[in-house]
Amino acid sequence: MISLRGLFDRMCSPVSSDGDKAFVPCPDEELNIEKEAATGSSLGREADRLVDELIKIGCKTGFLAPESGDGFDHNGCSTRARRIGQRLNEIGGLRLMKIAWWRVRFALSPGPASRDLGLAWDRIGAWRS
């Protein structure tokens, strides 16, 4: 007989980004990322510029659309927002993506665009929605 803890550990065990699941950091690490995002300190010239662009996209067109076309891919995700996510992943990995996501969320809240970026970034690097 399998214990509930054993079952949970098998179903929810952290896996590197090479697997089909992303590593889920501990809540303390998530809180630190959120706090770091809230400080507003520079992430570097390129990353700051990309975050600013994401905020503009969120304000103007949003990150998701009901159908493809005019800047949105076949899944209805902003193609530019996805390219920015890929670049952020290249220069700083999942941690930088999360900090950028929080900054966009802070800038666009309340509103649907503040949460839609996470869906648009699904499966970029270790990002999972």
C-alpha atoms as a PDB file:
ATOM      1  CA  MET A   1       0.000   0.000   0.000  1.00  0.00           C
ATOM      2  CA  ILE A   2       1.346   3.435  -0.974  1.00  0.00           C
ATOM      3  CA  SER A   3       1.232   6.218   1.578  1.00  0.00           C
ATOM      4  CA  LEU A   4      -0.331   9.525   0.606  1.00  0.00           C
ATOM      5  CA  ARG A   5       3.045  11.203   1.109  1.00  0.00           C
ATOM      6  CA  GLY A   6       4.726   8.709  -1.187  1.00  0.00           C
ATOM      7  CA  LEU A   7       2.082   9.228  -3.850  1.00  0.00           C
ATOM      8  CA  PHE A   8       2.405  13.007  -3.546  1.00  0.00           C
ATOM      9  CA  ASP A   9       6.198  12.815  -3.814  1.00  0.00           C
ATOM     10  CA  ARG A  10       5.956  10.718  -6.980  1.00  0.00           C
ATOM     11  CA  MET A  11       3.371  12.989  -8.586  1.00  0.00           C
ATOM     12  CA  CYS A  12       4.881  16.303  -7.520  1.00  0.00           C
ATOM     13  CA  SER A  13       8.571  15.686  -7.324  1.00  0.00           C
ATOM     14  CA  PRO A  14      10.677  18.524  -8.717  1.00  0.00           C
ATOM     15  CA  VAL A  15      12.046  17.810 -12.176  1.00  0.00           C
ATOM     16  CA  SER A  16      14.609  19.842 -14.039  1.00  0.00           C
ATOM     17  CA  SER A  17      13.534  21.858 -17.043  1.00  0.00           C
ATOM     18  CA  ASP A  18      14.727  18.988 -19.240  1.00  0.00           C
ATOM     19  CA  GLY A  19      11.715  16.923 -18.169  1.00  0.00           C
ATOM     20  CA  ASP A  20       8.080  17.430 -18.954  1.00  0.00           C
ATOM     21  CA  LYS A  21       7.509  19.258 -15.645  1.00  0.00           C
ATOM     22  CA  ALA A  22       9.223  22.353 -14.333  1.00  0.00           C
ATOM     23  CA  PHE A  23      10.901  22.476 -10.969  1.00  0.00           C
ATOM     24  CA  VAL A  24       8.567  24.126  -8.500  1.00  0.00           C
ATOM     25  CA  PRO A  25      10.619  26.179  -6.063  1.00  0.00           C
ATOM     26  CA  CYS A  26       9.756  26.410  -2.410  1.00  0.00           C
ATOM     27  CA  PRO A  27       7.332  29.150  -1.358  1.00  0.00           C
ATOM     28  CA  ASP A  28      10.174  31.112   0.298  1.00  0.00           C
ATOM     29  CA  GLU A  29      12.003  31.327  -3.022  1.00  0.00           C
ATOM     30  CA  GLU A  30       8.806  32.507  -4.737  1.00  0.00           C
ATOM     31  CA  LEU A  31       8.340  35.170  -2.079  1.00  0.00           C
ATOM     32  CA  ASN A  32      11.927  36.346  -2.586  1.00  0.00           C
ATOM     33  CA  ILE A  33      11.339  36.620  -6.335  1.00  0.00           C
ATOM     34  CA  GLU A  34       8.178  38.655  -5.776  1.00  0.00           C
ATOM     35  CA  LYS A  35       9.987  40.949  -3.312  1.00  0.00           C
ATOM     36  CA  GLU A  36      12.897  41.400  -5.716  1.00  0.00           C
ATOM     37  CA  ALA A  37      10.477  42.314  -8.492  1.00  0.00           C
ATOM     38  CA  ALA A  38       8.768  44.854  -6.238  1.00  0.00           C
ATOM     39  CA  THR A  39      12.026  46.705  -5.514  1.00  0.00           C
ATOM     40  CA  GLY A  40      12.140  48.050  -9.046  1.00  0.00           C
ATOM     41  CA  SER A  41      15.918  47.756  -9.175  1.00  0.00           C
ATOM     42  CA  SER A  42      17.463  47.394 -12.608  1.00  0.00           C
ATOM     43  CA  LEU A  43      17.535  43.949 -14.175  1.00  0.00           C
ATOM     44  CA  GLY A  44      20.084  45.157 -16.715  1.00  0.00           C
ATOM     45  CA  ARG A  45      19.568  47.443 -19.686  1.00  0.00           C
ATOM     46  CA  GLU A  46      18.221  44.796 -22.044  1.00  0.00           C
ATOM     47  CA  ALA A  47      15.940  43.116 -19.514  1.00  0.00           C
ATOM     48  CA  ASP A  48      14.551  46.476 -18.332  1.00  0.00           C
ATOM     49  CA  ARG A  49      13.799  47.429 -21.939  1.00  0.00           C
ATOM     50  CA  LEU A  50      12.075  44.092 -22.543  1.00  0.00           C
ATOM     51  CA  VAL A  51       9.941  44.443 -19.399  1.00  0.00           C
ATOM     52  CA  ASP A  52       8.907  47.941 -20.503  1.00  0.00           C
ATOM     53  CA  GLU A  53       7.939  46.549 -23.897  1.00  0.00           C
ATOM     54  CA  LEU A  54       5.882  43.797 -22.256  1.00  0.00           C
ATOM     55  CA  ILE A  55       3.993  46.411 -20.245  1.00  0.00           C
ATOM     56  CA  LYS A  56       3.249  48.356 -23.442  1.00  0.00           C
ATOM     57  CA  ILE A  57       2.037  45.182 -25.172  1.00  0.00           C
ATOM     58  CA  GLY A  58      -0.172  44.370 -22.196  1.00  0.00           C
ATOM     59  CA  CYS A  59      -1.702  47.848 -22.254  1.00  0.00           C
ATOM     60  CA  LYS A  60      -2.169  48.029 -26.014  1.00  0.00           C
ATOM     61  CA  THR A  61      -3.151  44.583 -27.294  1.00  0.00           C
ATOM     62  CA  GLY A  62      -2.855  42.195 -24.361  1.00  0.00           C
ATOM     63  CA  PHE A  63      -1.024  38.899 -24.410  1.00  0.00           C
ATOM     64  CA  LEU A  64      -3.848  36.615 -25.544  1.00  0.00           C
ATOM     65  CA  ALA A  65      -6.408  36.791 -28.344  1.00  0.00           C
ATOM     66  CA  PRO A  66      -9.351  34.538 -29.182  1.00  0.00           C
ATOM     67  CA  GLU A  67      -7.752  33.655 -32.526  1.00  0.00           C
ATOM     68  CA  SER A  68      -4.518  33.906 -34.469  1.00  0.00           C
ATOM     69  CA  GLY A  69      -3.497  36.751 -36.726  1.00  0.00           C
ATOM     70  CA  ASP A  70      -2.187  40.303 -36.408  1.00  0.00           C
ATOM     71  CA  GLY A  71       0.637  39.573 -33.985  1.00  0.00           C
ATOM     72  CA  PHE A  72      -0.856  36.450 -32.384  1.00  0.00           C
ATOM     73  CA  ASP A  73       0.194  32.861 -33.090  1.00  0.00           C
ATOM     74  CA  HIS A  74      -2.041  29.848 -33.797  1.00  0.00           C
ATOM     75  CA  ASN A  75      -2.682  29.508 -30.036  1.00  0.00           C
ATOM     76  CA  GLY A  76      -3.756  33.128 -29.716  1.00  0.00           C
ATOM     77  CA  CYS A  77      -0.571  34.152 -27.888  1.00  0.00           C
ATOM     78  CA  SER A  78       1.253  37.398 -28.634  1.00  0.00           C
ATOM     79  CA  THR A  79       4.198  36.444 -30.818  1.00  0.00           C
ATOM     80  CA  ARG A  80       6.253  39.405 -29.585  1.00  0.00           C
ATOM     81  CA  ALA A  81       5.557  38.591 -25.921  1.00  0.00           C
ATOM     82  CA  ARG A  82       6.693  35.009 -26.554  1.00  0.00           C
ATOM     83  CA  ARG A  83       9.903  36.203 -28.262  1.00  0.00           C
ATOM     84  CA  ILE A  84      10.572  38.487 -25.300  1.00  0.00           C
ATOM     85  CA  GLY A  85       9.995  35.560 -22.925  1.00  0.00           C
ATOM     86  CA  GLN A  86      12.443  33.459 -24.903  1.00  0.00           C
ATOM     87  CA  ARG A  87      15.054  36.209 -24.736  1.00  0.00           C
ATOM     88  CA  LEU A  88      14.560  36.711 -20.993  1.00  0.00           C
ATOM     89  CA  ASN A  89      14.976  32.951 -20.568  1.00  0.00           C
ATOM     90  CA  GLU A  90      18.223  33.048 -22.571  1.00  0.00           C
ATOM     91  CA  ILE A  91      19.759  35.846 -20.520  1.00  0.00           C
ATOM     92  CA  GLY A  92      18.481  34.967 -17.043  1.00  0.00           C
ATOM     93  CA  GLY A  93      16.488  31.748 -17.059  1.00  0.00           C
ATOM     94  CA  LEU A  94      13.316  31.067 -15.141  1.00  0.00           C
ATOM     95  CA  ARG A  95      14.214  33.416 -12.285  1.00  0.00           C
ATOM     96  CA  LEU A  96      14.484  36.448 -14.599  1.00  0.00           C
ATOM     97  CA  MET A  97      11.258  35.459 -16.343  1.00  0.00           C
ATOM     98  CA  LYS A  98       9.476  35.326 -12.983  1.00  0.00           C
ATOM     99  CA  ILE A  99      10.807  38.708 -11.912  1.00  0.00           C
ATOM    100  CA  ALA A 100       9.731  40.193 -15.255  1.00  0.00           C
ATOM    101  CA  TRP A 101       6.291  38.550 -14.920  1.00  0.00           C
ATOM    102  CA  TRP A 102       5.830  40.085 -11.462  1.00  0.00           C
ATOM    103  CA  ARG A 103       6.866  43.530 -12.731  1.00  0.00           C
ATOM    104  CA  VAL A 104       4.371  43.297 -15.578  1.00  0.00           C
ATOM    105  CA  ARG A 105       1.703  42.073 -13.188  1.00  0.00           C
ATOM    106  CA  PHE A 106       2.346  44.961 -10.781  1.00  0.00           C
ATOM    107  CA  ALA A 107       2.179  47.463 -13.666  1.00  0.00           C
ATOM    108  CA  LEU A 108      -1.010  46.082 -15.234  1.00  0.00           C
ATOM    109  CA  SER A 109      -3.055  45.099 -12.164  1.00  0.00           C
ATOM    110  CA  PRO A 110      -5.911  44.915 -11.887  1.00  0.00           C
ATOM    111  CA  GLY A 111      -6.887  43.497 -15.230  1.00  0.00           C
ATOM    112  CA  PRO A 112      -6.684  40.319 -17.265  1.00  0.00           C
ATOM    113  CA  ALA A 113      -3.421  41.218 -19.005  1.00  0.00           C
ATOM    114  CA  SER A 114      -1.674  41.093 -15.629  1.00  0.00           C
ATOM    115  CA  ARG A 115      -2.224  37.350 -15.449  1.00  0.00           C
ATOM    116  CA  ASP A 116      -2.351  36.428 -19.169  1.00  0.00           C
ATOM    117  CA  LEU A 117       1.384  36.795 -19.716  1.00  0.00           C
ATOM    118  CA  GLY A 118       1.969  33.551 -17.826  1.00  0.00           C
ATOM    119  CA  LEU A 119      -0.297  31.707 -20.243  1.00  0.00           C
ATOM    120  CA  ALA A 120       1.404  33.276 -23.258  1.00  0.00           C
ATOM    121  CA  TRP A 121       4.786  32.116 -21.935  1.00  0.00           C
ATOM    122  CA  ASP A 122       3.763  28.486 -21.415  1.00  0.00           C
ATOM    123  CA  ARG A 123       6.586  26.081 -22.295  1.00  0.00           C
ATOM    124  CA  ILE A 124       9.267  28.719 -22.775  1.00  0.00           C
ATOM    125  CA  GLY A 125      12.254  27.195 -21.005  1.00  0.00           C
ATOM    126  CA  ALA A 126      11.050  25.881 -17.649  1.00  0.00           C
ATOM    127  CA  TRP A 127       7.960  28.141 -17.566  1.00  0.00           C
ATOM    128  CA  ARG A 128       4.745  26.178 -17.078  1.00  0.00           C
ATOM    129  CA  SER A 129       1.296  27.685 -16.718  1.00  0.00           C
END
